[in-house]
Amino acid sequence: MRFLEFWNSLPKGGKARFAKEVGINLSRLSAIAHERIRCGAVAAMRIAAACRGIVSKQEIAPHVRWPKE
């Protein structure tokens, strides 16, 4: 699943709760979801962990050279 799909599937108030859980500003998360800004590796790992495996860090930040797992 793409991060934008996950982001748009969150219920009313869910985006703010998700942003608080991840520790990233709501407007910045929205910009990442809509691909207006790139997401760094650390933020991508935090977002992926908060998504509980629904969205991968590779999907969130494809420009990062992730090590083979």
N, C-alpha and C. Protein backbone atom coordinates (compact mmCIF):
# COMPACT_ATOMS: atom_id res chain seq x y z
N MET A 1 0.84 -1.17 0.00
CA MET A 1 0.00 0.00 0.00
C MET A 1 0.89 1.24 0.00
N ARG A 2 0.48 2.22 -0.73
CA ARG A 2 1.20 3.49 -0.75
C ARG A 2 0.86 4.29 0.50
N PHE A 3 1.78 5.13 0.93
CA PHE A 3 1.55 5.92 2.13
C PHE A 3 0.36 6.86 1.95
N LEU A 4 0.18 7.41 0.77
CA LEU A 4 -0.96 8.31 0.54
C LEU A 4 -2.28 7.57 0.74
N GLU A 5 -2.37 6.34 0.28
CA GLU A 5 -3.59 5.55 0.48
C GLU A 5 -3.84 5.32 1.97
N PHE A 6 -2.77 4.97 2.69
CA PHE A 6 -2.89 4.78 4.13
C PHE A 6 -3.33 6.08 4.80
N TRP A 7 -2.68 7.17 4.44
CA TRP A 7 -2.97 8.49 5.01
C TRP A 7 -4.43 8.86 4.79
N ASN A 8 -4.91 8.67 3.57
CA ASN A 8 -6.29 9.02 3.25
C ASN A 8 -7.31 8.08 3.90
N SER A 9 -6.88 6.90 4.31
CA SER A 9 -7.80 5.95 4.94
C SER A 9 -8.01 6.21 6.43
N LEU A 10 -7.18 7.08 7.01
CA LEU A 10 -7.32 7.35 8.43
C LEU A 10 -8.64 8.09 8.70
N PRO A 11 -9.33 7.72 9.79
CA PRO A 11 -10.61 8.37 10.11
C PRO A 11 -10.41 9.81 10.59
N LYS A 12 -11.51 10.51 10.74
CA LYS A 12 -11.46 11.90 11.20
C LYS A 12 -10.73 11.94 12.54
N GLY A 13 -9.76 12.80 12.65
CA GLY A 13 -8.95 12.90 13.85
C GLY A 13 -7.79 11.91 13.86
N GLY A 14 -7.83 10.94 12.98
CA GLY A 14 -6.79 9.92 12.94
C GLY A 14 -5.46 10.44 12.46
N LYS A 15 -5.49 11.40 11.57
CA LYS A 15 -4.23 11.95 11.04
C LYS A 15 -3.46 12.68 12.14
N ALA A 16 -4.18 13.44 12.96
CA ALA A 16 -3.53 14.15 14.06
C ALA A 16 -2.97 13.17 15.09
N ARG A 17 -3.72 12.12 15.40
CA ARG A 17 -3.23 11.10 16.34
C ARG A 17 -2.01 10.39 15.78
N PHE A 18 -2.07 10.07 14.49
CA PHE A 18 -0.94 9.39 13.83
C PHE A 18 0.29 10.29 13.87
N ALA A 19 0.12 11.56 13.55
CA ALA A 19 1.24 12.50 13.56
C ALA A 19 1.87 12.59 14.95
N LYS A 20 1.02 12.63 15.97
CA LYS A 20 1.53 12.68 17.34
C LYS A 20 2.30 11.41 17.68
N GLU A 21 1.77 10.26 17.27
CA GLU A 21 2.43 8.99 17.54
C GLU A 21 3.80 8.93 16.86
N VAL A 22 3.86 9.40 15.62
CA VAL A 22 5.11 9.36 14.85
C VAL A 22 6.09 10.44 15.33
N GLY A 23 5.55 11.54 15.85
CA GLY A 23 6.40 12.64 16.30
C GLY A 23 6.81 13.57 15.17
N ILE A 24 5.96 13.63 14.14
CA ILE A 24 6.21 14.51 12.99
C ILE A 24 4.99 15.42 12.84
N ASN A 25 5.25 16.67 12.56
CA ASN A 25 4.20 17.66 12.37
C ASN A 25 3.17 17.19 11.34
N LEU A 26 1.89 17.45 11.61
CA LEU A 26 0.80 17.02 10.73
C LEU A 26 0.97 17.53 9.30
N SER A 27 1.33 18.79 9.15
CA SER A 27 1.46 19.35 7.79
C SER A 27 2.65 18.72 7.06
N ARG A 28 3.72 18.40 7.79
CA ARG A 28 4.87 17.74 7.17
C ARG A 28 4.51 16.33 6.72
N LEU A 29 3.77 15.60 7.57
CA LEU A 29 3.33 14.25 7.19
C LEU A 29 2.44 14.29 5.96
N SER A 30 1.56 15.27 5.90
CA SER A 30 0.69 15.41 4.74
C SER A 30 1.51 15.67 3.48
N ALA A 31 2.52 16.52 3.60
CA ALA A 31 3.39 16.82 2.45
C ALA A 31 4.17 15.58 2.02
N ILE A 32 4.59 14.76 2.98
CA ILE A 32 5.28 13.51 2.65
C ILE A 32 4.31 12.57 1.93
N ALA A 33 3.10 12.43 2.46
CA ALA A 33 2.10 11.54 1.85
C ALA A 33 1.77 11.96 0.43
N HIS A 34 1.69 13.26 0.18
CA HIS A 34 1.34 13.77 -1.15
C HIS A 34 2.57 13.97 -2.04
N GLU A 35 3.74 13.51 -1.53
CA GLU A 35 5.00 13.55 -2.26
C GLU A 35 5.42 14.96 -2.68
N ARG A 36 5.06 15.95 -1.84
CA ARG A 36 5.51 17.32 -2.09
C ARG A 36 6.92 17.52 -1.54
N ILE A 37 7.28 16.72 -0.51
CA ILE A 37 8.64 16.73 0.03
C ILE A 37 9.10 15.29 0.22
N ARG A 38 10.40 15.11 0.21
CA ARG A 38 10.97 13.78 0.43
C ARG A 38 11.02 13.49 1.92
N CYS A 39 10.98 12.24 2.22
CA CYS A 39 11.03 11.78 3.59
C CYS A 39 12.41 11.19 3.85
N GLY A 40 13.03 11.60 4.93
CA GLY A 40 14.33 11.05 5.29
C GLY A 40 14.22 9.64 5.82
N ALA A 41 15.34 8.99 5.97
CA ALA A 41 15.38 7.59 6.39
C ALA A 41 14.81 7.38 7.79
N VAL A 42 15.20 8.22 8.73
CA VAL A 42 14.74 8.06 10.11
C VAL A 42 13.23 8.26 10.18
N ALA A 43 12.74 9.30 9.53
CA ALA A 43 11.30 9.55 9.53
C ALA A 43 10.55 8.40 8.85
N ALA A 44 11.09 7.87 7.77
CA ALA A 44 10.45 6.76 7.06
C ALA A 44 10.36 5.53 7.96
N MET A 45 11.39 5.28 8.75
CA MET A 45 11.36 4.15 9.67
C MET A 45 10.32 4.36 10.76
N ARG A 46 10.21 5.59 11.26
CA ARG A 46 9.21 5.89 12.30
C ARG A 46 7.79 5.76 11.74
N ILE A 47 7.58 6.25 10.52
CA ILE A 47 6.26 6.15 9.89
C ILE A 47 5.90 4.70 9.63
N ALA A 48 6.84 3.93 9.09
CA ALA A 48 6.58 2.52 8.80
C ALA A 48 6.25 1.74 10.07
N ALA A 49 6.96 2.04 11.16
CA ALA A 49 6.69 1.36 12.43
C ALA A 49 5.29 1.71 12.93
N ALA A 50 4.90 2.97 12.80
CA ALA A 50 3.57 3.40 13.24
C ALA A 50 2.47 2.82 12.36
N CYS A 51 2.79 2.54 11.10
CA CYS A 51 1.83 1.91 10.18
C CYS A 51 1.67 0.42 10.46
N ARG A 52 2.54 -0.12 11.33
CA ARG A 52 2.53 -1.53 11.71
C ARG A 52 2.62 -2.47 10.51
N GLY A 53 3.54 -2.11 9.60
CA GLY A 53 3.81 -2.99 8.47
C GLY A 53 2.91 -2.82 7.26
N ILE A 54 1.92 -1.96 7.34
CA ILE A 54 1.02 -1.75 6.20
C ILE A 54 1.75 -1.05 5.06
N VAL A 55 2.59 -0.08 5.42
CA VAL A 55 3.38 0.65 4.43
C VAL A 55 4.85 0.46 4.80
N SER A 56 5.66 0.10 3.83
CA SER A 56 7.09 -0.14 4.10
C SER A 56 7.89 1.16 4.05
N LYS A 57 9.03 1.14 4.71
CA LYS A 57 9.93 2.29 4.67
C LYS A 57 10.43 2.54 3.25
N GLN A 58 10.57 1.45 2.47
CA GLN A 58 11.02 1.58 1.09
C GLN A 58 9.96 2.31 0.26
N GLU A 59 8.70 2.09 0.54
CA GLU A 59 7.62 2.77 -0.17
C GLU A 59 7.58 4.25 0.21
N ILE A 60 7.81 4.54 1.48
CA ILE A 60 7.75 5.92 1.97
C ILE A 60 8.93 6.74 1.45
N ALA A 61 10.11 6.13 1.41
CA ALA A 61 11.31 6.84 0.98
C ALA A 61 12.09 6.00 -0.03
N PRO A 62 11.59 5.90 -1.27
CA PRO A 62 12.26 5.07 -2.27
C PRO A 62 13.63 5.60 -2.71
N HIS A 63 13.90 6.88 -2.47
CA HIS A 63 15.18 7.48 -2.86
C HIS A 63 16.33 7.10 -1.92
N VAL A 64 15.98 6.56 -0.75
CA VAL A 64 17.01 6.15 0.23
C VAL A 64 17.58 4.80 -0.20
N ARG A 65 18.88 4.65 -0.06
CA ARG A 65 19.52 3.36 -0.39
C ARG A 65 19.44 2.48 0.85
N TRP A 66 18.39 1.70 0.91
CA TRP A 66 18.16 0.81 2.05
C TRP A 66 19.03 -0.43 1.95
N PRO A 67 19.59 -0.89 3.06
CA PRO A 67 20.37 -2.13 3.01
C PRO A 67 19.45 -3.32 2.74
N LYS A 68 20.01 -4.34 2.13
CA LYS A 68 19.25 -5.57 1.86
C LYS A 68 18.89 -6.23 3.19
N GLU A 69 17.65 -6.66 3.28
CA GLU A 69 17.21 -7.31 4.54
C GLU A 69 17.02 -8.78 4.32
